[in-house]
């Protein structure tokens, strides 16, 4: 039977390698599902993908909780132990999975990437990078991506573009990932663009033909006013695609 912990290991980190546990023996247990991993769940609206060492000291002395305006759970000394040692139950918060969106606000409010606490790169879920890539039009998310790239010594033009168990593995998600990879796979990008264009054109042609046929039949049996009503009911083929 696949456990939550083993399922978490199927995810990738920002290096494109197997995701590592954020917390470890002797630390407080972290992760939205309390497995130690910064993994995504359908009920995890906060997307807790970023692993931060909350015991580290930032340049300005403030921690993640203080800067983001939360209660100071970052300084808690009474959390369940990672290895569930009942004789040593209480542990201070150390490596912790935080929300990727709150992480972006943390950087913004702290005064930049140089003013935040230490991040644990091999335990940061690649999902965070994929999410930021889809929000580059917003400066705070572009800055969050750049911060991870700088802190983890990544190549912005050669970032991993796939991850483990993820809802982003749809055709649209894959196309988006290819298009945000900085042209690294030009031929693959072209194929995806052509496929998408053909799908859109084909759907549009089919809709026009159905409309013309129905309009002709309707006009033969009724008035132009009825044809106008039919036109108002023509389905829209172009739908918004949200990240």
Foldseek 3Di string as FASTA:
>chain_A
DDDPLNQQQQWFFFQRHGADFQDDAPAFQEEPVRQRAQDDDPPCPLSQQWKFFLVFAFPVRDALCVQLVHDPLQQAQAHQGSVNPVVCGTGHHTTYGGGLVSLLSSQVSLPHLRGYGQTDRSRGTCVSLLVLLQVVVDPSSVRSNVSSCVNVVHDQLAIDQDIGPDPLPDLVSSLSSCVSNNCPPVVVNVVSVVVVVVVLVVVVVVLVVVLVVVLVVDVVVDPVVVSVVSVVVRDDDDDDDDD
